[in-house]
Amino acid sequence: MLLIIGYALLLPFWVISVQLCFYALNLKAEQKQQNCQAIGIIFTTLGVVSLVSHDIAFTTSGLVLIMLGLRMMAIGLDRIDKSTFIDRYKND
């Protein structure tokens, strides 16, 4: 029963995390790069910190946050030190 309550309390946090990812991915050029890097670092840090807890709900959310954080950092590092961004002129 406590496990279900733990997941129910973590569900809004997961939804907010995914919404932040989608927000950063929909930005353009330099803003996308900066926000993806920042969100990736924050998510990875929170994921590692939540692995300290030996509760299955927090450990699972920590693994999910680490995966999201590494994905966001990889997207942010994709175009580092380059002057031309592919998505700069789309739908302007």
C-alpha atoms as a PDB file:
ATOM      1  CA  MET A   1       0.000   0.000   0.000  1.00  0.00           C
ATOM      2  CA  LEU A   2       2.834   2.390   0.834  1.00  0.00           C
ATOM      3  CA  LEU A   3       4.400   1.683  -2.556  1.00  0.00           C
ATOM      4  CA  ILE A   4       1.232   2.782  -4.361  1.00  0.00           C
ATOM      5  CA  ILE A   5       1.077   5.953  -2.274  1.00  0.00           C
ATOM      6  CA  GLY A   6       4.745   6.653  -3.050  1.00  0.00           C
ATOM      7  CA  TYR A   7       4.165   6.320  -6.785  1.00  0.00           C
ATOM      8  CA  ALA A   8       1.027   8.455  -6.567  1.00  0.00           C
ATOM      9  CA  LEU A   9       3.018  11.214  -4.877  1.00  0.00           C
ATOM     10  CA  LEU A  10       5.837  10.983  -7.437  1.00  0.00           C
ATOM     11  CA  LEU A  11       3.538  11.010 -10.461  1.00  0.00           C
ATOM     12  CA  PRO A  12       3.081  14.835 -10.574  1.00  0.00           C
ATOM     13  CA  PHE A  13       6.869  15.240 -10.299  1.00  0.00           C
ATOM     14  CA  TRP A  14       7.374  12.936 -13.292  1.00  0.00           C
ATOM     15  CA  VAL A  15       4.781  14.854 -15.319  1.00  0.00           C
ATOM     16  CA  ILE A  16       6.488  18.178 -14.552  1.00  0.00           C
ATOM     17  CA  SER A  17       9.861  16.687 -15.493  1.00  0.00           C
ATOM     18  CA  VAL A  18       8.606  15.466 -18.858  1.00  0.00           C
ATOM     19  CA  GLN A  19       6.921  18.826 -19.527  1.00  0.00           C
ATOM     20  CA  LEU A  20      10.236  20.603 -18.860  1.00  0.00           C
ATOM     21  CA  CYS A  21      11.915  18.264 -21.359  1.00  0.00           C
ATOM     22  CA  PHE A  22       9.328  19.000 -24.041  1.00  0.00           C
ATOM     23  CA  TYR A  23       9.614  22.732 -23.348  1.00  0.00           C
ATOM     24  CA  ALA A  24      13.383  22.679 -23.812  1.00  0.00           C
ATOM     25  CA  LEU A  25      13.146  20.558 -26.960  1.00  0.00           C
ATOM     26  CA  ASN A  26      10.730  23.002 -28.602  1.00  0.00           C
ATOM     27  CA  LEU A  27      13.038  26.000 -28.247  1.00  0.00           C
ATOM     28  CA  LYS A  28      15.219  27.225 -31.083  1.00  0.00           C
ATOM     29  CA  ALA A  29      18.989  27.329 -31.606  1.00  0.00           C
ATOM     30  CA  GLU A  30      21.080  28.739 -28.743  1.00  0.00           C
ATOM     31  CA  GLN A  31      18.190  28.734 -26.260  1.00  0.00           C
ATOM     32  CA  LYS A  32      17.593  25.043 -26.941  1.00  0.00           C
ATOM     33  CA  GLN A  33      21.262  24.249 -26.389  1.00  0.00           C
ATOM     34  CA  GLN A  34      21.504  26.181 -23.108  1.00  0.00           C
ATOM     35  CA  ASN A  35      18.217  24.936 -21.650  1.00  0.00           C
ATOM     36  CA  CYS A  36      18.849  21.308 -22.599  1.00  0.00           C
ATOM     37  CA  GLN A  37      22.251  21.406 -20.914  1.00  0.00           C
ATOM     38  CA  ALA A  38      20.896  23.032 -17.751  1.00  0.00           C
ATOM     39  CA  ILE A  39      17.883  20.736 -17.453  1.00  0.00           C
ATOM     40  CA  GLY A  40      20.059  17.703 -18.171  1.00  0.00           C
ATOM     41  CA  ILE A  41      22.481  18.579 -15.386  1.00  0.00           C
ATOM     42  CA  ILE A  42      19.655  19.221 -12.922  1.00  0.00           C
ATOM     43  CA  PHE A  43      17.838  15.964 -13.765  1.00  0.00           C
ATOM     44  CA  THR A  44      21.018  13.876 -13.572  1.00  0.00           C
ATOM     45  CA  THR A  45      21.930  15.402 -10.214  1.00  0.00           C
ATOM     46  CA  LEU A  46      18.456  14.820  -8.786  1.00  0.00           C
ATOM     47  CA  GLY A  47      18.492  11.259 -10.119  1.00  0.00           C
ATOM     48  CA  VAL A  48      21.800  10.422  -8.464  1.00  0.00           C
ATOM     49  CA  VAL A  49      20.664  11.980  -5.187  1.00  0.00           C
ATOM     50  CA  SER A  50      17.420   9.996  -5.230  1.00  0.00           C
ATOM     51  CA  LEU A  51      19.379   6.738  -5.673  1.00  0.00           C
ATOM     52  CA  VAL A  52      20.647   7.190  -2.114  1.00  0.00           C
ATOM     53  CA  SER A  53      17.194   6.279  -0.841  1.00  0.00           C
ATOM     54  CA  HIS A  54      16.615   2.547  -0.661  1.00  0.00           C
ATOM     55  CA  ASP A  55      12.895   2.904  -1.370  1.00  0.00           C
ATOM     56  CA  ILE A  56      11.859   1.332  -4.677  1.00  0.00           C
ATOM     57  CA  ALA A  57       9.725   4.324  -5.716  1.00  0.00           C
ATOM     58  CA  PHE A  58      12.549   6.841  -5.288  1.00  0.00           C
ATOM     59  CA  THR A  59      15.092   4.510  -6.877  1.00  0.00           C
ATOM     60  CA  THR A  60      12.879   4.050  -9.934  1.00  0.00           C
ATOM     61  CA  SER A  61      12.312   7.768 -10.273  1.00  0.00           C
ATOM     62  CA  GLY A  62      16.055   8.327  -9.878  1.00  0.00           C
ATOM     63  CA  LEU A  63      16.805   5.991 -12.772  1.00  0.00           C
ATOM     64  CA  VAL A  64      14.194   7.720 -14.923  1.00  0.00           C
ATOM     65  CA  LEU A  65      15.652  11.137 -14.071  1.00  0.00           C
ATOM     66  CA  ILE A  66      19.179   9.986 -14.881  1.00  0.00           C
ATOM     67  CA  MET A  67      18.031   8.707 -18.291  1.00  0.00           C
ATOM     68  CA  LEU A  68      16.152  11.945 -19.047  1.00  0.00           C
ATOM     69  CA  GLY A  69      19.109  14.025 -17.859  1.00  0.00           C
ATOM     70  CA  LEU A  70      21.638  12.194 -20.017  1.00  0.00           C
ATOM     71  CA  ARG A  71      19.332  12.493 -23.017  1.00  0.00           C
ATOM     72  CA  MET A  72      18.901  16.231 -22.476  1.00  0.00           C
ATOM     73  CA  MET A  73      22.653  16.759 -22.064  1.00  0.00           C
ATOM     74  CA  ALA A  74      23.319  14.838 -25.280  1.00  0.00           C
ATOM     75  CA  ILE A  75      20.828  17.005 -27.166  1.00  0.00           C
ATOM     76  CA  GLY A  76      22.380  20.152 -25.682  1.00  0.00           C
ATOM     77  CA  LEU A  77      25.900  19.091 -26.643  1.00  0.00           C
ATOM     78  CA  ASP A  78      24.924  18.216 -30.200  1.00  0.00           C
ATOM     79  CA  ARG A  79      25.595  21.647 -31.664  1.00  0.00           C
ATOM     80  CA  ILE A  80      28.123  23.089 -29.218  1.00  0.00           C
ATOM     81  CA  ASP A  81      30.672  25.556 -30.681  1.00  0.00           C
ATOM     82  CA  LYS A  82      28.944  25.682 -34.043  1.00  0.00           C
ATOM     83  CA  SER A  83      27.648  28.865 -35.576  1.00  0.00           C
ATOM     84  CA  THR A  84      24.916  27.423 -37.812  1.00  0.00           C
ATOM     85  CA  PHE A  85      21.879  25.821 -36.248  1.00  0.00           C
ATOM     86  CA  ILE A  86      19.663  23.663 -38.422  1.00  0.00           C
ATOM     87  CA  ASP A  87      16.408  24.759 -36.810  1.00  0.00           C
ATOM     88  CA  ARG A  88      17.186  28.496 -36.805  1.00  0.00           C
ATOM     89  CA  TYR A  89      15.235  29.356 -39.947  1.00  0.00           C
ATOM     90  CA  LYS A  90      12.356  26.923 -39.697  1.00  0.00           C
ATOM     91  CA  ASN A  91       8.933  28.563 -39.394  1.00  0.00           C
ATOM     92  CA  ASP A  92      10.265  32.101 -38.905  1.00  0.00           C
END
